[in-house]
């Protein structure tokens, strides 16, 4: 589990380095999802935001080295109250054979913004 801290309405880029058993995981042919929710029990449709290689927000930058980048856009956290908010998140991959693996998870701490330029 890994905690991530961001500010509300900031654009944030998160690099994912995917490994399996300590070895680099080749992402060729894989899809990736990054989902942030208020609660684990929320349906994906009720997520605060979800990014994927299929619908945008995640780019596999170096598939053979297991590297991908998630971009959380400013608009993704605008619906979060402007107070410290703790969401839950995970990142999952679906490999070329259709197997699904959770590669990271934790809390996403969204801090309030002071300057509200949005």
N, C-alpha and C. Protein backbone atom coordinates (compact mmCIF):
# COMPACT_ATOMS: atom_id res chain seq x y z
N UNK A 1 0.85 -1.17 0.00
CA UNK A 1 0.00 0.00 0.00
C UNK A 1 0.90 1.24 0.00
N UNK A 2 0.43 2.22 -0.72
CA UNK A 2 1.22 3.44 -0.85
C UNK A 2 0.30 4.65 -0.81
N UNK A 3 0.64 5.61 0.03
CA UNK A 3 -0.13 6.83 0.09
C UNK A 3 0.43 7.84 -0.90
N UNK A 4 -0.46 8.55 -1.57
CA UNK A 4 -0.10 9.62 -2.49
C UNK A 4 -0.76 10.89 -1.96
N UNK A 5 -0.06 12.00 -2.03
CA UNK A 5 -0.61 13.28 -1.59
C UNK A 5 -0.57 14.27 -2.75
N UNK A 6 -1.72 14.89 -3.03
CA UNK A 6 -1.81 15.88 -4.09
C UNK A 6 -2.63 17.06 -3.57
N UNK A 7 -2.59 18.16 -4.29
CA UNK A 7 -3.44 19.30 -3.98
C UNK A 7 -4.65 19.31 -4.92
N UNK A 8 -5.79 19.68 -4.37
CA UNK A 8 -7.02 19.78 -5.15
C UNK A 8 -6.77 20.69 -6.35
N UNK A 9 -7.21 20.28 -7.49
CA UNK A 9 -7.18 20.96 -8.80
C UNK A 9 -5.79 21.12 -9.40
N UNK A 10 -4.77 20.49 -8.82
CA UNK A 10 -3.45 20.48 -9.47
C UNK A 10 -3.39 19.38 -10.52
N UNK A 11 -2.59 19.60 -11.54
CA UNK A 11 -2.28 18.54 -12.49
C UNK A 11 -1.08 17.78 -11.94
N UNK A 12 -1.22 16.46 -11.86
CA UNK A 12 -0.18 15.63 -11.25
C UNK A 12 0.15 14.48 -12.19
N UNK A 13 1.43 14.20 -12.34
CA UNK A 13 1.87 13.05 -13.13
C UNK A 13 2.53 12.05 -12.19
N UNK A 14 2.06 10.82 -12.27
CA UNK A 14 2.56 9.74 -11.40
C UNK A 14 3.18 8.67 -12.30
N UNK A 15 4.43 8.35 -12.04
CA UNK A 15 5.09 7.29 -12.78
C UNK A 15 4.88 5.96 -12.06
N UNK A 16 4.46 4.96 -12.81
CA UNK A 16 4.31 3.61 -12.29
C UNK A 16 5.42 2.74 -12.87
N UNK A 17 6.14 2.06 -12.00
CA UNK A 17 7.15 1.09 -12.43
C UNK A 17 6.61 -0.28 -12.02
N UNK A 18 6.20 -1.06 -12.97
CA UNK A 18 5.53 -2.33 -12.70
C UNK A 18 6.55 -3.46 -12.64
N UNK A 19 6.47 -4.20 -11.54
CA UNK A 19 7.34 -5.37 -11.36
C UNK A 19 6.48 -6.56 -10.95
N UNK A 20 7.04 -7.73 -11.11
CA UNK A 20 6.40 -8.96 -10.66
C UNK A 20 7.48 -9.85 -10.05
N UNK A 21 7.36 -10.12 -8.77
CA UNK A 21 8.38 -10.92 -8.10
C UNK A 21 9.73 -10.24 -8.09
N UNK A 22 9.75 -8.91 -8.12
CA UNK A 22 11.00 -8.16 -8.11
C UNK A 22 11.60 -7.93 -9.48
N UNK A 23 11.03 -8.56 -10.51
CA UNK A 23 11.55 -8.40 -11.87
C UNK A 23 10.69 -7.41 -12.65
N UNK A 24 11.28 -6.73 -13.60
CA UNK A 24 10.55 -5.81 -14.47
C UNK A 24 9.44 -6.57 -15.18
N UNK A 25 8.25 -5.98 -15.24
CA UNK A 25 7.10 -6.60 -15.90
C UNK A 25 6.91 -5.94 -17.26
N UNK A 26 6.95 -6.72 -18.31
CA UNK A 26 6.78 -6.20 -19.66
C UNK A 26 5.30 -5.88 -19.89
N UNK A 27 5.01 -4.62 -20.14
CA UNK A 27 3.63 -4.16 -20.31
C UNK A 27 3.11 -4.24 -21.74
N UNK A 28 3.88 -4.80 -22.65
CA UNK A 28 3.45 -4.92 -24.03
C UNK A 28 2.12 -5.67 -24.10
N UNK A 29 1.14 -5.06 -24.73
CA UNK A 29 -0.18 -5.67 -24.88
C UNK A 29 -1.08 -5.54 -23.66
N UNK A 30 -0.62 -4.83 -22.64
CA UNK A 30 -1.40 -4.68 -21.40
C UNK A 30 -2.23 -3.40 -21.42
N UNK A 31 -3.28 -3.40 -20.62
CA UNK A 31 -4.08 -2.21 -20.34
C UNK A 31 -3.93 -1.89 -18.86
N UNK A 32 -4.02 -0.61 -18.52
CA UNK A 32 -3.86 -0.19 -17.12
C UNK A 32 -5.01 0.73 -16.73
N UNK A 33 -5.49 0.58 -15.49
CA UNK A 33 -6.50 1.46 -14.91
C UNK A 33 -5.98 2.02 -13.60
N UNK A 34 -6.28 3.30 -13.34
CA UNK A 34 -6.00 3.96 -12.06
C UNK A 34 -7.34 4.54 -11.62
N UNK A 35 -7.83 4.09 -10.46
CA UNK A 35 -9.15 4.48 -9.99
C UNK A 35 -9.05 5.08 -8.60
N UNK A 36 -9.72 6.22 -8.39
CA UNK A 36 -9.79 6.85 -7.07
C UNK A 36 -11.26 6.96 -6.67
N UNK A 37 -11.56 6.50 -5.45
CA UNK A 37 -12.94 6.48 -4.97
C UNK A 37 -13.00 7.03 -3.54
N UNK A 38 -14.20 7.40 -3.13
CA UNK A 38 -14.43 7.80 -1.75
C UNK A 38 -14.34 6.61 -0.80
N UNK A 39 -14.86 5.47 -1.25
CA UNK A 39 -14.88 4.25 -0.44
C UNK A 39 -14.61 3.05 -1.33
N UNK A 40 -14.06 2.00 -0.74
CA UNK A 40 -13.80 0.78 -1.50
C UNK A 40 -15.09 0.22 -2.11
N UNK A 41 -16.20 0.38 -1.40
CA UNK A 41 -17.46 -0.22 -1.85
C UNK A 41 -18.12 0.55 -3.00
N UNK A 42 -17.64 1.74 -3.33
CA UNK A 42 -18.23 2.50 -4.44
C UNK A 42 -18.04 1.75 -5.75
N UNK A 43 -19.05 1.79 -6.60
CA UNK A 43 -18.93 1.21 -7.93
C UNK A 43 -17.95 2.04 -8.75
N UNK A 44 -17.35 1.45 -9.76
CA UNK A 44 -16.44 2.20 -10.63
C UNK A 44 -17.14 3.41 -11.25
N UNK A 45 -18.42 3.27 -11.56
CA UNK A 45 -19.17 4.38 -12.15
C UNK A 45 -19.29 5.56 -11.19
N UNK A 46 -19.12 5.32 -9.89
CA UNK A 46 -19.20 6.38 -8.88
C UNK A 46 -17.83 6.87 -8.45
N UNK A 47 -16.78 6.44 -9.14
CA UNK A 47 -15.42 6.85 -8.78
C UNK A 47 -15.28 8.37 -8.88
N UNK A 48 -14.43 8.94 -8.04
CA UNK A 48 -14.12 10.36 -8.15
C UNK A 48 -13.50 10.60 -9.52
N UNK A 49 -12.57 9.72 -9.92
CA UNK A 49 -12.06 9.72 -11.29
C UNK A 49 -11.42 8.37 -11.57
N UNK A 50 -11.36 8.05 -12.84
CA UNK A 50 -10.69 6.83 -13.29
C UNK A 50 -9.94 7.15 -14.57
N UNK A 51 -8.71 6.72 -14.63
CA UNK A 51 -7.86 6.89 -15.81
C UNK A 51 -7.55 5.51 -16.37
N UNK A 52 -7.29 5.45 -17.68
CA UNK A 52 -6.90 4.17 -18.25
C UNK A 52 -6.12 4.39 -19.55
N UNK A 53 -5.47 3.33 -19.96
CA UNK A 53 -4.80 3.38 -21.26
C UNK A 53 -5.82 3.32 -22.38
N UNK A 54 -7.01 2.84 -22.08
CA UNK A 54 -8.05 2.71 -23.09
C UNK A 54 -8.83 4.01 -23.30
N UNK A 55 -9.08 4.75 -22.20
CA UNK A 55 -9.91 5.96 -22.28
C UNK A 55 -9.15 7.25 -22.00
N UNK A 56 -7.86 7.16 -21.80
CA UNK A 56 -7.05 8.35 -21.59
C UNK A 56 -6.61 8.54 -20.16
N UNK A 57 -5.51 9.26 -20.03
CA UNK A 57 -4.96 9.56 -18.72
C UNK A 57 -3.79 8.70 -18.33
N UNK A 58 -3.60 7.57 -19.01
CA UNK A 58 -2.43 6.72 -18.75
C UNK A 58 -1.75 6.41 -20.07
N UNK A 59 -0.44 6.59 -20.07
CA UNK A 59 0.38 6.27 -21.24
C UNK A 59 1.46 5.29 -20.79
N UNK A 60 1.59 4.19 -21.51
CA UNK A 60 2.70 3.27 -21.25
C UNK A 60 3.90 3.86 -21.99
N UNK A 61 4.83 4.42 -21.22
CA UNK A 61 5.95 5.15 -21.81
C UNK A 61 7.12 4.27 -22.21
N UNK A 62 7.30 3.13 -21.54
CA UNK A 62 8.36 2.20 -21.88
C UNK A 62 7.88 0.80 -21.53
N UNK A 63 7.16 0.15 -22.46
CA UNK A 63 6.53 -1.13 -22.13
C UNK A 63 7.51 -2.22 -21.70
N UNK A 64 8.64 -2.33 -22.35
CA UNK A 64 9.57 -3.41 -22.01
C UNK A 64 10.25 -3.19 -20.66
N UNK A 65 10.25 -1.95 -20.17
CA UNK A 65 10.81 -1.65 -18.85
C UNK A 65 9.72 -1.52 -17.78
N UNK A 66 8.46 -1.76 -18.17
CA UNK A 66 7.36 -1.74 -17.22
C UNK A 66 7.00 -0.36 -16.70
N UNK A 67 7.20 0.67 -17.53
CA UNK A 67 6.97 2.05 -17.08
C UNK A 67 5.72 2.64 -17.74
N UNK A 68 4.87 3.24 -16.91
CA UNK A 68 3.68 3.94 -17.39
C UNK A 68 3.54 5.24 -16.60
N UNK A 69 2.81 6.19 -17.18
CA UNK A 69 2.59 7.46 -16.50
C UNK A 69 1.10 7.76 -16.45
N UNK A 70 0.63 8.07 -15.23
CA UNK A 70 -0.76 8.46 -14.99
C UNK A 70 -0.79 9.98 -14.87
N UNK A 71 -1.70 10.63 -15.57
CA UNK A 71 -1.89 12.07 -15.43
C UNK A 71 -3.24 12.33 -14.79
N UNK A 72 -3.19 12.91 -13.60
CA UNK A 72 -4.39 13.37 -12.93
C UNK A 72 -4.55 14.84 -13.32
N UNK A 73 -5.60 15.13 -14.06
CA UNK A 73 -5.82 16.49 -14.56
C UNK A 73 -6.47 17.35 -13.48
N UNK A 74 -6.33 18.63 -13.63
CA UNK A 74 -6.93 19.60 -12.70
C UNK A 74 -8.41 19.31 -12.48
N UNK A 75 -9.14 19.06 -13.54
CA UNK A 75 -10.59 18.84 -13.46
C UNK A 75 -10.96 17.58 -12.68
N UNK A 76 -10.04 16.63 -12.54
CA UNK A 76 -10.35 15.37 -11.87
C UNK A 76 -10.65 15.52 -10.39
N UNK A 77 -10.12 16.55 -9.75
CA UNK A 77 -10.34 16.71 -8.32
C UNK A 77 -11.19 17.94 -7.98
N UNK A 78 -11.73 18.60 -8.98
CA UNK A 78 -12.55 19.80 -8.72
C UNK A 78 -13.83 19.50 -7.93
N UNK A 79 -14.33 18.27 -8.02
CA UNK A 79 -15.55 17.93 -7.28
C UNK A 79 -15.26 17.54 -5.83
N UNK A 80 -13.97 17.40 -5.50
CA UNK A 80 -13.58 17.08 -4.13
C UNK A 80 -13.71 18.36 -3.30
N UNK A 81 -14.29 18.27 -2.11
CA UNK A 81 -14.43 19.44 -1.24
C UNK A 81 -13.06 20.05 -0.97
N UNK A 82 -13.03 21.37 -0.79
CA UNK A 82 -11.76 22.06 -0.58
C UNK A 82 -11.33 21.97 0.90
N UNK A 83 -11.28 20.74 1.38
CA UNK A 83 -10.78 20.39 2.70
C UNK A 83 -9.94 19.13 2.51
N UNK A 84 -9.09 18.81 3.48
CA UNK A 84 -8.31 17.59 3.37
C UNK A 84 -9.26 16.40 3.23
N UNK A 85 -9.11 15.66 2.15
CA UNK A 85 -9.99 14.55 1.83
C UNK A 85 -9.15 13.31 1.56
N UNK A 86 -9.55 12.20 2.11
CA UNK A 86 -8.81 10.96 1.89
C UNK A 86 -9.65 10.01 1.04
N UNK A 87 -9.12 9.73 -0.13
CA UNK A 87 -9.74 8.78 -1.06
C UNK A 87 -8.96 7.47 -1.00
N UNK A 88 -9.50 6.43 -1.60
CA UNK A 88 -8.77 5.17 -1.79
C UNK A 88 -8.48 5.02 -3.28
N UNK A 89 -7.37 4.40 -3.61
CA UNK A 89 -7.01 4.24 -5.02
C UNK A 89 -6.37 2.88 -5.24
N UNK A 90 -6.40 2.46 -6.50
CA UNK A 90 -5.59 1.33 -6.91
C UNK A 90 -5.24 1.46 -8.39
N UNK A 91 -4.27 0.71 -8.79
CA UNK A 91 -3.88 0.60 -10.20
C UNK A 91 -3.90 -0.88 -10.55
N UNK A 92 -4.56 -1.20 -11.64
CA UNK A 92 -4.65 -2.58 -12.09
C UNK A 92 -4.20 -2.68 -13.54
N UNK A 93 -3.66 -3.84 -13.88
CA UNK A 93 -3.34 -4.12 -15.29
C UNK A 93 -4.12 -5.35 -15.73
N UNK A 94 -4.42 -5.37 -17.01
CA UNK A 94 -4.93 -6.57 -17.67
C UNK A 94 -3.90 -6.92 -18.72
N UNK A 95 -3.30 -8.09 -18.59
CA UNK A 95 -2.24 -8.46 -19.54
C UNK A 95 -2.83 -8.96 -20.85
N UNK A 96 -1.97 -9.29 -21.78
CA UNK A 96 -2.41 -9.68 -23.12
C UNK A 96 -3.21 -10.99 -23.12
N UNK A 97 -3.14 -11.77 -22.03
CA UNK A 97 -3.93 -13.00 -21.92
C UNK A 97 -5.25 -12.78 -21.18
N UNK A 98 -5.51 -11.53 -20.73
CA UNK A 98 -6.74 -11.23 -20.04
C UNK A 98 -6.68 -11.36 -18.53
N UNK A 99 -5.50 -11.69 -17.98
CA UNK A 99 -5.33 -11.79 -16.53
C UNK A 99 -5.29 -10.38 -15.93
N UNK A 100 -5.91 -10.22 -14.76
CA UNK A 100 -5.96 -8.92 -14.09
C UNK A 100 -5.16 -8.99 -12.81
N UNK A 101 -4.32 -7.95 -12.60
CA UNK A 101 -3.47 -7.85 -11.42
C UNK A 101 -3.55 -6.45 -10.83
N UNK A 102 -3.67 -6.37 -9.52
CA UNK A 102 -3.55 -5.08 -8.84
C UNK A 102 -2.07 -4.86 -8.60
N UNK A 103 -1.55 -3.75 -9.13
CA UNK A 103 -0.10 -3.51 -9.04
C UNK A 103 0.26 -2.48 -7.97
N UNK A 104 -0.71 -1.72 -7.49
CA UNK A 104 -0.46 -0.75 -6.43
C UNK A 104 -1.80 -0.28 -5.89
N UNK A 105 -1.78 0.16 -4.63
CA UNK A 105 -3.00 0.69 -4.02
C UNK A 105 -2.62 1.51 -2.80
N UNK A 106 -3.59 2.25 -2.28
CA UNK A 106 -3.34 3.02 -1.07
C UNK A 106 -4.36 4.11 -0.88
N UNK A 107 -3.96 5.13 -0.15
CA UNK A 107 -4.81 6.29 0.09
C UNK A 107 -4.33 7.43 -0.80
N UNK A 108 -5.27 8.19 -1.32
CA UNK A 108 -4.96 9.40 -2.08
C UNK A 108 -5.43 10.56 -1.23
N UNK A 109 -4.47 11.28 -0.68
CA UNK A 109 -4.77 12.40 0.20
C UNK A 109 -4.83 13.66 -0.66
N UNK A 110 -6.02 14.26 -0.71
CA UNK A 110 -6.22 15.48 -1.50
C UNK A 110 -6.27 16.65 -0.53
N UNK A 111 -5.25 17.51 -0.62
CA UNK A 111 -5.16 18.67 0.26
C UNK A 111 -5.90 19.85 -0.35
N UNK A 112 -6.42 20.75 0.50
CA UNK A 112 -7.14 21.91 -0.03
C UNK A 112 -6.18 22.87 -0.73
N UNK A 113 -6.73 23.57 -1.71
CA UNK A 113 -5.94 24.57 -2.39
C UNK A 113 -6.19 25.93 -1.74
N UNK A 114 -5.20 26.79 -1.78
CA UNK A 114 -5.35 28.15 -1.26
C UNK A 114 -5.70 29.07 -2.41
N UNK A 115 -4.89 29.05 -3.45
CA UNK A 115 -5.16 29.85 -4.64
C UNK A 115 -6.13 29.07 -5.50
N UNK A 116 -7.28 29.65 -5.77
CA UNK A 116 -8.31 28.94 -6.52
C UNK A 116 -8.46 29.57 -7.88
N UNK A 117 -7.55 29.21 -8.78
CA UNK A 117 -7.52 29.79 -10.12
C UNK A 117 -8.47 29.12 -11.07
N UNK A 118 -9.13 28.06 -10.66
CA UNK A 118 -10.02 27.32 -11.56
C UNK A 118 -11.43 27.84 -11.51
